Amino acid sequence: MAFSSIPTTDDGAERRATWLLLGPALGFLTLMSIWPFAYLIYASFTSYQLAIPIPIEWVGVKNFMRVMSSARFWSSLGITAVFALIAVPLQIALGLALAMLLKSVTRGRDIYASLFLIPMMVAPIVVGFSWNLFLNPIYGPLNAFLKGVGFSPPAWAQSPDWALPTLVLVDTWQWTPFVMVVLLAGLQAIPKRVYEAARVDGSSRLQTFWHIMLPMLAPYMTVAFVLRFIDSFRVFDIIYILTRGGPGTSTQNLAYYTYDVGFGRFEFGMAGALSIIQLVLLTVGTMSILALAKRRAQPPREAELPPTIKPFRSTAAMGANS
């Protein structure tokens, strides 16, 4: 009798309400993401060309074979890899330095952090136009200053030797603040008692940084590295504004090469194959980075630790779990 007054839930009504609430979001996701991706996969196996009015035919893996046999593809892949392997570690190192600098600031930290975040909040195309004006070899202020102090500056974005380093510089300037924010959150998550235990045990600052701070920041550094690694493959805005893939093809990465094939030569089938290959490369690269980070996250053996670090390894572990 006492339980008869408890209202029962109508599973059918609850299910209908769930679909009513999720339906618009799922429909939007299907329309804007799933369907275009499915059509991209379909187009990569066809002879789809916009400029030439010919029937679309199924060509199988012919587009993928054309891409893999193209010298420009391997050149673009090499440029993308070089850009990622230089820009991402540089951003991690500078972001860690800025995060540690802000961590040591006791007054006005939020103000300084907000100032550092300004480059990240600017649209990439605005960043490209701003740096294009700043680095202009004729009337740019940087070259005018360097000439004024007696140097002979290069043409930066127009130079075959300096174009790629210039893109690395611009990308690092814009996205190092993102790494700084991620690592600053990691530094603030480390309990103070971990540092106190290290000082009591006689650990130097270098030992504390190398054996305690870096291992406890490893998850945050992995997140920042993976996100920046993915973005480094998708860099397009600053390349389009600053170099247009040049001089020649010296700064034409995979993203710009895909754009050139799809919207320059209107070979949408081949551009779709390029996009799929780039997605596979990103997936494999990301999974490899995560697997390496997971393997390195295994706790070291006791014999591998310096004598001054052994006593409070458990203290650091308890601090990370708290």
Foldseek 3Di string as FASTA:
>chain_A
DVPVPDDDDDPVVVVVVVCVVCVVVVVVCCVPPVVVLVVLVVLLQWQDFDVDPDDIDGNGCPLVVVLVPDPLNVLQAVLLVVLLVPQLVVLLVVLLVVLVVLVPDDPPSVVVLVVLLVLQPDDLLVLLVVVQQCLQCPPHPVNVVCVVVPHHDDSQCADLVRNSVSVSVSVSSRCSSVLNVLLNVQVVLQDPVLVVLLVVLPHDPVLCCPPFVCLSSLVSSLVSSLVSSVVSQQDDNNCVRRHLCDPVNSNNHLNSVLCCVCVVRVRSNSSSSSVVVSVVVSVVVSVVSVVVSVVVNPDDDLVVDDPSPNVCPVVSVVSSVD
